[in-house]
Amino acid sequence: MTSANRYTYTAYGLRFESAIPLPELRPAAPGEPDVTIGYGEVPQSLPLPSASGVAWQSGPGQMLLSVVDVARYLVVENREIRVQPLPGSTAADVRAFLFGSVLGAVLHAQRMLVLHASVLHTERGAVLFMGRSGAGKSTLLAAFLQRGYRMLADDKAGITLNADGVPQALPGLPFIRLAADAVAALQYPVHDSHRRRGLDKYVIPVEQFHTTPLVVRGAYSLNAHNGTDIRLERLHTLDRFQALNRDVYRRRFMHHAEQRRAHFRILGAVSNHASVARVLRPGHPYVIDQLRECIEEDLAR
């Protein structure tokens, strides 16, 4: 919905009011925004950064993220995202990085547990597919979507505690990013999608999207190994905590003590409440159908 050329969207339980059209997101009714988004001047660096990395800096009440040849993004007081596109960039490229690390920084600032994971809707609740980049989270999620399942999020899981202190996964962004080889292997339809510049990935809208929070019931940590078989190992409490903590999304963006306290509180609740398993699968070839079947059988137990 729009008002005076402003658009209102929802994702991860937050209301975004944006001067920039974000057609990939779900519209929301107008109301008090949690975060505003708009174009504006963004400095090349912060005057006195308290922490920094290759493409980011943080200081009191601000975080700057820079993407070469695409845009600079400034997060102000965790409630405003200012965007300055760079010459030669496209609107789709600017949005792609806005939905990536920039949104991840905002979710951390909102004191969520943010895991590098895709989230599947099941009859028992939310199930996470966790892992580093290239682990196959999105490919596995797409394979389940082809079986009629629904999704809550791709790549970033935002988790909070409900009124009873139980961890719940929040509906994220209603699209999935798939590499070209995964699209070919799955014969996944890519109409109404676009390729992300600099990366061999498609951004694909998903209609099978679950729109309400879901209690976290399970998580699978995806890992490649040199064998030819698929192994699934159920983890105990301490190992569950460590496996979940290993796959935090952009851990370096957690700068404040309040964020770290919220992170560990929610992490502990997930490790106590949810079943967590370590999955070893062949590094090559990636046997996606067998992996999906293995996990689907485990979910049915």
C-alpha atoms as a PDB file:
ATOM      1  CA  MET A   1       0.000   0.000   0.000  1.00  0.00           C
ATOM      2  CA  THR A   2       1.199   3.497  -0.671  1.00  0.00           C
ATOM      3  CA  SER A   3       0.717   6.909   0.858  1.00  0.00           C
ATOM      4  CA  ALA A   4       2.325  10.042  -0.586  1.00  0.00           C
ATOM      5  CA  ASN A   5       4.679   7.852  -2.650  1.00  0.00           C
ATOM      6  CA  ARG A   6       5.615   5.769   0.363  1.00  0.00           C
ATOM      7  CA  TYR A   7       5.127   2.033   0.522  1.00  0.00           C
ATOM      8  CA  THR A   8       4.438  -0.134   3.572  1.00  0.00           C
ATOM      9  CA  TYR A   9       5.738  -3.697   3.792  1.00  0.00           C
ATOM     10  CA  THR A  10       6.137  -6.410   6.387  1.00  0.00           C
ATOM     11  CA  ALA A  11       8.925  -8.929   6.990  1.00  0.00           C
ATOM     12  CA  TYR A  12      10.294 -10.675  10.086  1.00  0.00           C
ATOM     13  CA  GLY A  13       7.492  -9.266  12.213  1.00  0.00           C
ATOM     14  CA  LEU A  14       8.505  -5.678  11.391  1.00  0.00           C
ATOM     15  CA  ARG A  15       6.673  -2.945   9.480  1.00  0.00           C
ATOM     16  CA  PHE A  16       8.826  -1.140   6.906  1.00  0.00           C
ATOM     17  CA  GLU A  17       7.816   2.231   5.455  1.00  0.00           C
ATOM     18  CA  SER A  18       9.792   2.801   2.276  1.00  0.00           C
ATOM     19  CA  ALA A  19      10.155   5.594  -0.249  1.00  0.00           C
ATOM     20  CA  ILE A  20      11.722   2.936  -2.499  1.00  0.00           C
ATOM     21  CA  PRO A  21       9.415   0.400  -4.201  1.00  0.00           C
ATOM     22  CA  LEU A  22      10.289  -3.089  -2.944  1.00  0.00           C
ATOM     23  CA  PRO A  23       8.101  -5.350  -5.099  1.00  0.00           C
ATOM     24  CA  GLU A  24       9.601  -8.554  -3.673  1.00  0.00           C
ATOM     25  CA  LEU A  25       8.129  -7.856  -0.212  1.00  0.00           C
ATOM     26  CA  ARG A  26       4.635  -8.408   1.172  1.00  0.00           C
ATOM     27  CA  PRO A  27       2.505  -5.259   1.459  1.00  0.00           C
ATOM     28  CA  ALA A  28       1.235  -4.289   4.911  1.00  0.00           C
ATOM     29  CA  ALA A  29      -1.465  -1.997   6.219  1.00  0.00           C
ATOM     30  CA  PRO A  30      -0.224   1.522   7.025  1.00  0.00           C
ATOM     31  CA  GLY A  31       0.757   2.094  10.621  1.00  0.00           C
ATOM     32  CA  GLU A  32       3.624   3.192  12.808  1.00  0.00           C
ATOM     33  CA  PRO A  33       6.757   1.848  11.098  1.00  0.00           C
ATOM     34  CA  ASP A  34       9.490  -0.036  12.890  1.00  0.00           C
ATOM     35  CA  VAL A  35      11.974   0.876  10.147  1.00  0.00           C
ATOM     36  CA  THR A  36      11.941   3.532   7.413  1.00  0.00           C
ATOM     37  CA  ILE A  37      13.821   3.192   4.110  1.00  0.00           C
ATOM     38  CA  GLY A  38      14.709   5.947   1.657  1.00  0.00           C
ATOM     39  CA  TYR A  39      17.315   7.427  -0.656  1.00  0.00           C
ATOM     40  CA  GLY A  40      19.811   9.916   0.729  1.00  0.00           C
ATOM     41  CA  GLU A  41      23.433  10.918   1.026  1.00  0.00           C
ATOM     42  CA  VAL A  42      25.584   8.236   2.647  1.00  0.00           C
ATOM     43  CA  PRO A  43      29.198   8.982   3.630  1.00  0.00           C
ATOM     44  CA  GLN A  44      32.057   6.833   2.367  1.00  0.00           C
ATOM     45  CA  SER A  45      33.162   6.302   5.966  1.00  0.00           C
ATOM     46  CA  LEU A  46      32.061   7.094   9.510  1.00  0.00           C
ATOM     47  CA  PRO A  47      34.043   9.756  11.390  1.00  0.00           C
ATOM     48  CA  LEU A  48      34.965   7.652  14.436  1.00  0.00           C
ATOM     49  CA  PRO A  49      34.019   4.006  13.847  1.00  0.00           C
ATOM     50  CA  SER A  50      34.115   1.772  16.897  1.00  0.00           C
ATOM     51  CA  ALA A  51      34.283  -1.401  14.779  1.00  0.00           C
ATOM     52  CA  SER A  52      34.911  -2.106  11.106  1.00  0.00           C
ATOM     53  CA  GLY A  53      35.408  -4.781   8.482  1.00  0.00           C
ATOM     54  CA  VAL A  54      36.188  -4.983   4.780  1.00  0.00           C
ATOM     55  CA  ALA A  55      32.904  -3.387   3.672  1.00  0.00           C
ATOM     56  CA  TRP A  56      31.302  -2.084   6.872  1.00  0.00           C
ATOM     57  CA  GLN A  57      31.804   0.264   9.800  1.00  0.00           C
ATOM     58  CA  SER A  58      29.822   0.871  12.960  1.00  0.00           C
ATOM     59  CA  GLY A  59      29.748   3.790  15.354  1.00  0.00           C
ATOM     60  CA  PRO A  60      27.406   5.221  17.975  1.00  0.00           C
ATOM     61  CA  GLY A  61      23.884   4.752  16.592  1.00  0.00           C
ATOM     62  CA  GLN A  62      25.072   4.078  13.032  1.00  0.00           C
ATOM     63  CA  MET A  63      26.215   1.279  10.767  1.00  0.00           C
ATOM     64  CA  LEU A  64      27.622   1.794   7.267  1.00  0.00           C
ATOM     65  CA  LEU A  65      27.710  -0.966   4.653  1.00  0.00           C
ATOM     66  CA  SER A  66      29.297  -0.482   1.215  1.00  0.00           C
ATOM     67  CA  VAL A  67      28.885  -2.649  -1.890  1.00  0.00           C
ATOM     68  CA  VAL A  68      31.307  -1.820  -4.707  1.00  0.00           C
ATOM     69  CA  ASP A  69      29.557  -0.433  -7.819  1.00  0.00           C
ATOM     70  CA  VAL A  70      26.119  -0.985  -6.246  1.00  0.00           C
ATOM     71  CA  ALA A  71      25.303   1.264  -3.258  1.00  0.00           C
ATOM     72  CA  ARG A  72      26.191   2.513   0.197  1.00  0.00           C
ATOM     73  CA  TYR A  73      23.724   1.864   3.017  1.00  0.00           C
ATOM     74  CA  LEU A  74      23.516   3.636   6.380  1.00  0.00           C
ATOM     75  CA  VAL A  75      21.494   2.169   9.255  1.00  0.00           C
ATOM     76  CA  VAL A  76      20.630   4.946  11.727  1.00  0.00           C
ATOM     77  CA  GLU A  77      19.480   4.205  15.298  1.00  0.00           C
ATOM     78  CA  ASN A  78      18.192   0.815  14.102  1.00  0.00           C
ATOM     79  CA  ARG A  79      15.091   2.538  12.710  1.00  0.00           C
ATOM     80  CA  GLU A  80      16.215   4.090   9.437  1.00  0.00           C
ATOM     81  CA  ILE A  81      17.967   2.700   6.366  1.00  0.00           C
ATOM     82  CA  ARG A  82      19.416   5.357   4.075  1.00  0.00           C
ATOM     83  CA  VAL A  83      20.409   4.194   0.583  1.00  0.00           C
ATOM     84  CA  GLN A  84      22.733   5.894  -1.917  1.00  0.00           C
ATOM     85  CA  PRO A  85      22.924   3.954  -5.210  1.00  0.00           C
ATOM     86  CA  LEU A  86      26.217   4.205  -7.090  1.00  0.00           C
ATOM     87  CA  PRO A  87      26.593   4.969 -10.826  1.00  0.00           C
ATOM     88  CA  GLY A  88      25.839   2.011 -13.060  1.00  0.00           C
ATOM     89  CA  SER A  89      23.862   0.040 -10.491  1.00  0.00           C
ATOM     90  CA  THR A  90      20.379  -1.274 -11.113  1.00  0.00           C
ATOM     91  CA  ALA A  91      17.392  -1.035  -8.790  1.00  0.00           C
ATOM     92  CA  ALA A  92      17.323  -4.852  -8.553  1.00  0.00           C
ATOM     93  CA  ASP A  93      20.972  -4.952  -7.450  1.00  0.00           C
ATOM     94  CA  VAL A  94      20.364  -2.258  -4.824  1.00  0.00           C
ATOM     95  CA  ARG A  95      17.400  -4.224  -3.450  1.00  0.00           C
ATOM     96  CA  ALA A  96      19.329  -7.510  -3.474  1.00  0.00           C
ATOM     97  CA  PHE A  97      21.984  -6.212  -1.087  1.00  0.00           C
ATOM     98  CA  LEU A  98      19.391  -4.326   0.958  1.00  0.00           C
ATOM     99  CA  PHE A  99      17.669  -7.671   1.589  1.00  0.00           C
ATOM    100  CA  GLY A 100      20.999  -9.321   2.474  1.00  0.00           C
ATOM    101  CA  SER A 101      23.564  -7.964   4.908  1.00  0.00           C
ATOM    102  CA  VAL A 102      21.732  -4.668   5.483  1.00  0.00           C
ATOM    103  CA  LEU A 103      18.553  -6.397   6.609  1.00  0.00           C
ATOM    104  CA  GLY A 104      20.651  -8.826   8.660  1.00  0.00           C
ATOM    105  CA  ALA A 105      22.181  -5.882  10.546  1.00  0.00           C
ATOM    106  CA  VAL A 106      18.693  -4.499  11.261  1.00  0.00           C
ATOM    107  CA  LEU A 107      17.431  -7.864  12.544  1.00  0.00           C
ATOM    108  CA  HIS A 108      20.400  -8.154  14.911  1.00  0.00           C
ATOM    109  CA  ALA A 109      19.682  -4.620  16.113  1.00  0.00           C
ATOM    110  CA  GLN A 110      16.068  -5.658  16.790  1.00  0.00           C
ATOM    111  CA  ARG A 111      17.501  -8.250  19.219  1.00  0.00           C
ATOM    112  CA  MET A 112      16.449 -11.314  17.299  1.00  0.00           C
ATOM    113  CA  LEU A 113      18.456 -14.493  16.973  1.00  0.00           C
ATOM    114  CA  VAL A 114      19.541 -14.376  13.322  1.00  0.00           C
ATOM    115  CA  LEU A 115      20.779 -17.677  11.906  1.00  0.00           C
ATOM    116  CA  HIS A 116      22.246 -18.442   8.495  1.00  0.00           C
ATOM    117  CA  ALA A 117      19.373 -20.775   7.699  1.00  0.00           C
ATOM    118  CA  SER A 118      16.384 -21.392   5.495  1.00  0.00           C
ATOM    119  CA  VAL A 119      13.088 -22.174   7.233  1.00  0.00           C
ATOM    120  CA  LEU A 120      10.545 -24.812   6.210  1.00  0.00           C
ATOM    121  CA  HIS A 121       6.927 -25.048   7.367  1.00  0.00           C
ATOM    122  CA  THR A 122       5.965 -28.536   8.559  1.00  0.00           C
ATOM    123  CA  GLU A 123       2.975 -29.974  10.406  1.00  0.00           C
ATOM    124  CA  ARG A 124       5.055 -30.038  13.602  1.00  0.00           C
ATOM    125  CA  GLY A 125       6.364 -26.478  13.273  1.00  0.00           C
ATOM    126  CA  ALA A 126       9.310 -24.652  11.748  1.00  0.00           C
ATOM    127  CA  VAL A 127      12.365 -26.626  10.651  1.00  0.00           C
ATOM    128  CA  LEU A 128      15.691 -24.922   9.904  1.00  0.00           C
ATOM    129  CA  PHE A 129      18.260 -25.899   7.279  1.00  0.00           C
ATOM    130  CA  MET A 130      21.472 -24.304   8.570  1.00  0.00           C
ATOM    131  CA  GLY A 131      24.911 -23.950   7.067  1.00  0.00           C
ATOM    132  CA  ARG A 132      27.535 -21.700   5.597  1.00  0.00           C
ATOM    133  CA  SER A 133      27.270 -20.237   2.091  1.00  0.00           C
ATOM    134  CA  GLY A 134      27.259 -23.098  -0.403  1.00  0.00           C
ATOM    135  CA  ALA A 135      26.029 -25.684   2.109  1.00  0.00           C
ATOM    136  CA  GLY A 136      22.829 -26.180   0.097  1.00  0.00           C
ATOM    137  CA  LYS A 137      20.233 -24.520   2.353  1.00  0.00           C
ATOM    138  CA  SER A 138      18.283 -22.873  -0.452  1.00  0.00           C
ATOM    139  CA  THR A 139      18.585 -25.869  -2.787  1.00  0.00           C
ATOM    140  CA  LEU A 140      17.202 -28.193  -0.120  1.00  0.00           C
ATOM    141  CA  LEU A 141      14.396 -25.744   0.660  1.00  0.00           C
ATOM    142  CA  ALA A 142      13.511 -25.583  -3.061  1.00  0.00           C
ATOM    143  CA  ALA A 143      13.418 -29.377  -3.233  1.00  0.00           C
ATOM    144  CA  PHE A 144      10.884 -29.416  -0.385  1.00  0.00           C
ATOM    145  CA  LEU A 145       8.834 -26.670  -2.062  1.00  0.00           C
ATOM    146  CA  GLN A 146       8.574 -28.916  -5.107  1.00  0.00           C
ATOM    147  CA  ARG A 147       7.035 -31.521  -2.810  1.00  0.00           C
ATOM    148  CA  GLY A 148       4.264 -29.115  -1.790  1.00  0.00           C
ATOM    149  CA  TYR A 149       5.768 -27.747   1.437  1.00  0.00           C
ATOM    150  CA  ARG A 150       5.704 -24.067   2.390  1.00  0.00           C
ATOM    151  CA  MET A 151       8.548 -21.784   3.457  1.00  0.00           C
ATOM    152  CA  LEU A 152       9.018 -19.064   6.065  1.00  0.00           C
ATOM    153  CA  ALA A 153      12.415 -17.734   5.029  1.00  0.00           C
ATOM    154  CA  ASP A 154      15.430 -18.343   2.841  1.00  0.00           C
ATOM    155  CA  ASP A 155      19.051 -17.750   3.942  1.00  0.00           C
ATOM    156  CA  LYS A 156      18.182 -15.761   7.104  1.00  0.00           C
ATOM    157  CA  ALA A 157      16.105 -17.147   9.974  1.00  0.00           C
ATOM    158  CA  GLY A 158      14.792 -14.516  12.381  1.00  0.00           C
ATOM    159  CA  ILE A 159      13.845 -16.089  15.728  1.00  0.00           C
ATOM    160  CA  THR A 160      12.214 -14.521  18.792  1.00  0.00           C
ATOM    161  CA  LEU A 161      10.568 -15.857  21.953  1.00  0.00           C
ATOM    162  CA  ASN A 162       6.774 -15.889  22.216  1.00  0.00           C
ATOM    163  CA  ALA A 163       4.830 -14.939  25.364  1.00  0.00           C
ATOM    164  CA  ASP A 164       5.554 -18.386  26.848  1.00  0.00           C
ATOM    165  CA  GLY A 165       9.286 -18.121  26.203  1.00  0.00           C
ATOM    166  CA  VAL A 166       9.142 -20.625  23.334  1.00  0.00           C
ATOM    167  CA  PRO A 167      11.299 -19.864  20.249  1.00  0.00           C
ATOM    168  CA  GLN A 168       9.388 -19.006  17.096  1.00  0.00           C
ATOM    169  CA  ALA A 169      10.597 -18.412  13.544  1.00  0.00           C
ATOM    170  CA  LEU A 170       9.248 -15.290  11.840  1.00  0.00           C
ATOM    171  CA  PRO A 171       8.063 -15.085   8.224  1.00  0.00           C
ATOM    172  CA  GLY A 172      10.881 -13.471   6.255  1.00  0.00           C
ATOM    173  CA  LEU A 173      11.026 -12.602   2.568  1.00  0.00           C
ATOM    174  CA  PRO A 174       8.741 -14.410   0.081  1.00  0.00           C
ATOM    175  CA  PHE A 175      11.443 -15.372  -2.397  1.00  0.00           C
ATOM    176  CA  ILE A 176      14.285 -17.816  -2.717  1.00  0.00           C
ATOM    177  CA  ARG A 177      17.786 -17.374  -4.170  1.00  0.00           C
ATOM    178  CA  LEU A 178      19.002 -20.307  -6.259  1.00  0.00           C
ATOM    179  CA  ALA A 179      22.285 -20.800  -8.089  1.00  0.00           C
ATOM    180  CA  ALA A 180      22.046 -21.584 -11.790  1.00  0.00           C
ATOM    181  CA  ASP A 181      23.277 -25.167 -11.286  1.00  0.00           C
ATOM    182  CA  ALA A 182      20.574 -25.761  -8.649  1.00  0.00           C
ATOM    183  CA  VAL A 183      17.912 -24.369 -10.986  1.00  0.00           C
ATOM    184  CA  ALA A 184      19.117 -26.774 -13.681  1.00  0.00           C
ATOM    185  CA  ALA A 185      19.351 -29.785 -11.354  1.00  0.00           C
ATOM    186  CA  LEU A 186      15.866 -29.216  -9.908  1.00  0.00           C
ATOM    187  CA  GLN A 187      14.366 -27.936 -13.173  1.00  0.00           C
ATOM    188  CA  TYR A 188      13.026 -25.154 -10.983  1.00  0.00           C
ATOM    189  CA  PRO A 189      10.846 -22.574 -12.774  1.00  0.00           C
ATOM    190  CA  VAL A 190      12.479 -19.144 -12.925  1.00  0.00           C
ATOM    191  CA  HIS A 191       9.799 -17.046 -14.653  1.00  0.00           C
ATOM    192  CA  ASP A 192       9.257 -13.605 -13.038  1.00  0.00           C
ATOM    193  CA  SER A 193      12.756 -13.835 -11.559  1.00  0.00           C
ATOM    194  CA  HIS A 194      16.008 -11.979 -12.184  1.00  0.00           C
ATOM    195  CA  ARG A 195      19.692 -12.822 -11.989  1.00  0.00           C
ATOM    196  CA  ARG A 196      21.683 -11.102  -9.258  1.00  0.00           C
ATOM    197  CA  ARG A 197      24.617  -9.218 -10.738  1.00  0.00           C
ATOM    198  CA  GLY A 198      28.060 -10.549  -9.838  1.00  0.00           C
ATOM    199  CA  LEU A 199      26.600 -13.800  -8.514  1.00  0.00           C
ATOM    200  CA  ASP A 200      25.279 -16.713 -10.512  1.00  0.00           C
ATOM    201  CA  LYS A 201      21.952 -16.708  -8.660  1.00  0.00           C
ATOM    202  CA  TYR A 202      18.291 -16.212  -9.488  1.00  0.00           C
ATOM    203  CA  VAL A 203      15.894 -14.364  -7.175  1.00  0.00           C
ATOM    204  CA  ILE A 204      12.656 -16.348  -7.496  1.00  0.00           C
ATOM    205  CA  PRO A 205       9.272 -15.329  -6.012  1.00  0.00           C
ATOM    206  CA  VAL A 206       7.593 -18.067  -3.937  1.00  0.00           C
ATOM    207  CA  GLU A 207       3.824 -18.372  -3.609  1.00  0.00           C
ATOM    208  CA  GLN A 208       4.054 -21.221  -1.060  1.00  0.00           C
ATOM    209  CA  PHE A 209       4.822 -18.780   1.740  1.00  0.00           C
ATOM    210  CA  HIS A 210       3.666 -19.157   5.348  1.00  0.00           C
ATOM    211  CA  THR A 211       2.725 -15.763   6.789  1.00  0.00           C
ATOM    212  CA  THR A 212       2.545 -16.279  10.566  1.00  0.00           C
ATOM    213  CA  PRO A 213       5.224 -17.122  13.182  1.00  0.00           C
ATOM    214  CA  LEU A 214       5.852 -20.803  13.782  1.00  0.00           C
ATOM    215  CA  VAL A 215       7.370 -22.568  16.810  1.00  0.00           C
ATOM    216  CA  VAL A 216      10.843 -23.930  16.031  1.00  0.00           C
ATOM    217  CA  ARG A 217      10.718 -27.737  16.259  1.00  0.00           C
ATOM    218  CA  GLY A 218      13.906 -28.841  14.522  1.00  0.00           C
ATOM    219  CA  ALA A 219      17.132 -27.861  12.808  1.00  0.00           C
ATOM    220  CA  TYR A 220      19.530 -29.621  10.462  1.00  0.00           C
ATOM    221  CA  SER A 221      23.137 -28.461  10.183  1.00  0.00           C
ATOM    222  CA  LEU A 222      24.245 -29.187   6.608  1.00  0.00           C
ATOM    223  CA  ASN A 223      27.870 -30.229   6.034  1.00  0.00           C
ATOM    224  CA  ALA A 224      29.750 -31.712   3.081  1.00  0.00           C
ATOM    225  CA  HIS A 225      32.147 -34.665   3.485  1.00  0.00           C
ATOM    226  CA  ASN A 226      34.340 -36.796   1.219  1.00  0.00           C
ATOM    227  CA  GLY A 227      32.198 -39.905   1.495  1.00  0.00           C
ATOM    228  CA  THR A 228      29.425 -41.059  -0.828  1.00  0.00           C
ATOM    229  CA  ASP A 229      26.741 -41.621   1.818  1.00  0.00           C
ATOM    230  CA  ILE A 230      24.386 -39.353   3.761  1.00  0.00           C
ATOM    231  CA  ARG A 231      24.731 -39.443   7.542  1.00  0.00           C
ATOM    232  CA  LEU A 232      22.415 -37.922  10.119  1.00  0.00           C
ATOM    233  CA  GLU A 233      23.569 -37.553  13.723  1.00  0.00           C
ATOM    234  CA  ARG A 234      21.213 -36.388  16.477  1.00  0.00           C
ATOM    235  CA  LEU A 235      22.891 -33.877  18.817  1.00  0.00           C
ATOM    236  CA  HIS A 236      22.592 -33.521  22.590  1.00  0.00           C
ATOM    237  CA  THR A 237      22.003 -30.218  24.419  1.00  0.00           C
ATOM    238  CA  LEU A 238      25.518 -28.748  24.495  1.00  0.00           C
ATOM    239  CA  ASP A 239      26.283 -29.882  20.953  1.00  0.00           C
ATOM    240  CA  ARG A 240      22.942 -28.442  19.826  1.00  0.00           C
ATOM    241  CA  PHE A 241      23.886 -25.058  21.275  1.00  0.00           C
ATOM    242  CA  GLN A 242      27.285 -25.121  19.583  1.00  0.00           C
ATOM    243  CA  ALA A 243      25.855 -26.207  16.219  1.00  0.00           C
ATOM    244  CA  LEU A 244      23.279 -23.418  16.283  1.00  0.00           C
ATOM    245  CA  ASN A 245      25.818 -20.830  17.415  1.00  0.00           C
ATOM    246  CA  ARG A 246      28.178 -21.810  14.596  1.00  0.00           C
ATOM    247  CA  ASP A 247      25.655 -20.689  11.995  1.00  0.00           C
ATOM    248  CA  VAL A 248      24.866 -17.180  13.239  1.00  0.00           C
ATOM    249  CA  TYR A 249      24.271 -14.792  10.341  1.00  0.00           C
ATOM    250  CA  ARG A 250      26.874 -11.992  10.155  1.00  0.00           C
ATOM    251  CA  ARG A 251      28.014 -12.479  13.743  1.00  0.00           C
ATOM    252  CA  ARG A 252      30.318  -9.449  13.444  1.00  0.00           C
ATOM    253  CA  PHE A 253      27.255  -7.180  13.283  1.00  0.00           C
ATOM    254  CA  MET A 254      26.427  -7.866  16.960  1.00  0.00           C
ATOM    255  CA  HIS A 255      28.194  -4.980  18.664  1.00  0.00           C
ATOM    256  CA  HIS A 256      26.135  -4.180  21.745  1.00  0.00           C
ATOM    257  CA  ALA A 257      25.806  -6.097  25.003  1.00  0.00           C
ATOM    258  CA  GLU A 258      21.995  -6.039  24.732  1.00  0.00           C
ATOM    259  CA  GLN A 259      22.151  -7.736  21.341  1.00  0.00           C
ATOM    260  CA  ARG A 260      24.518 -10.427  22.611  1.00  0.00           C
ATOM    261  CA  ARG A 261      22.369 -11.081  25.696  1.00  0.00           C
ATOM    262  CA  ALA A 262      19.242 -11.477  23.552  1.00  0.00           C
ATOM    263  CA  HIS A 263      21.181 -13.673  21.139  1.00  0.00           C
ATOM    264  CA  PHE A 264      22.318 -16.133  23.806  1.00  0.00           C
ATOM    265  CA  ARG A 265      18.955 -16.150  25.598  1.00  0.00           C
ATOM    266  CA  ILE A 266      17.112 -17.148  22.419  1.00  0.00           C
ATOM    267  CA  LEU A 267      19.888 -19.513  21.354  1.00  0.00           C
ATOM    268  CA  GLY A 268      19.573 -21.349  24.652  1.00  0.00           C
ATOM    269  CA  ALA A 269      15.802 -21.612  24.247  1.00  0.00           C
ATOM    270  CA  VAL A 270      16.156 -23.099  20.745  1.00  0.00           C
ATOM    271  CA  SER A 271      18.773 -25.633  21.859  1.00  0.00           C
ATOM    272  CA  ASN A 272      16.509 -26.730  24.738  1.00  0.00           C
ATOM    273  CA  HIS A 273      13.262 -26.784  22.778  1.00  0.00           C
ATOM    274  CA  ALA A 274      14.164 -28.053  19.302  1.00  0.00           C
ATOM    275  CA  SER A 275      15.667 -31.246  17.961  1.00  0.00           C
ATOM    276  CA  VAL A 276      18.994 -30.560  16.205  1.00  0.00           C
ATOM    277  CA  ALA A 277      20.864 -32.935  13.891  1.00  0.00           C
ATOM    278  CA  ARG A 278      24.165 -32.756  12.028  1.00  0.00           C
ATOM    279  CA  VAL A 279      23.850 -33.926   8.417  1.00  0.00           C
ATOM    280  CA  LEU A 280      26.846 -35.060   6.353  1.00  0.00           C
ATOM    281  CA  ARG A 281      26.291 -35.302   2.619  1.00  0.00           C
ATOM    282  CA  PRO A 282      28.628 -35.922  -0.338  1.00  0.00           C
ATOM    283  CA  GLY A 283      30.432 -32.809  -1.491  1.00  0.00           C
ATOM    284  CA  HIS A 284      30.131 -33.969  -5.091  1.00  0.00           C
ATOM    285  CA  PRO A 285      27.815 -34.900  -6.614  1.00  0.00           C
ATOM    286  CA  TYR A 286      25.182 -33.095  -4.546  1.00  0.00           C
ATOM    287  CA  VAL A 287      22.482 -35.774  -4.216  1.00  0.00           C
ATOM    288  CA  ILE A 288      19.604 -33.414  -3.471  1.00  0.00           C
ATOM    289  CA  ASP A 289      16.772 -35.921  -3.926  1.00  0.00           C
ATOM    290  CA  GLN A 290      18.369 -38.440  -1.575  1.00  0.00           C
ATOM    291  CA  LEU A 291      19.081 -35.705   0.980  1.00  0.00           C
ATOM    292  CA  ARG A 292      15.484 -34.485   0.887  1.00  0.00           C
ATOM    293  CA  GLU A 293      14.201 -38.049   1.277  1.00  0.00           C
ATOM    294  CA  CYS A 294      16.533 -38.668   4.251  1.00  0.00           C
ATOM    295  CA  ILE A 295      15.340 -35.563   6.064  1.00  0.00           C
ATOM    296  CA  GLU A 296      11.698 -36.152   5.129  1.00  0.00           C
ATOM    297  CA  GLU A 297      11.917 -39.650   6.624  1.00  0.00           C
ATOM    298  CA  ASP A 298      13.512 -38.246   9.769  1.00  0.00           C
ATOM    299  CA  LEU A 299      10.754 -35.641  10.113  1.00  0.00           C
ATOM    300  CA  ALA A 300       8.126 -38.384   9.920  1.00  0.00           C
ATOM    301  CA  ARG A 301       9.522 -40.210  12.987  1.00  0.00           C
END
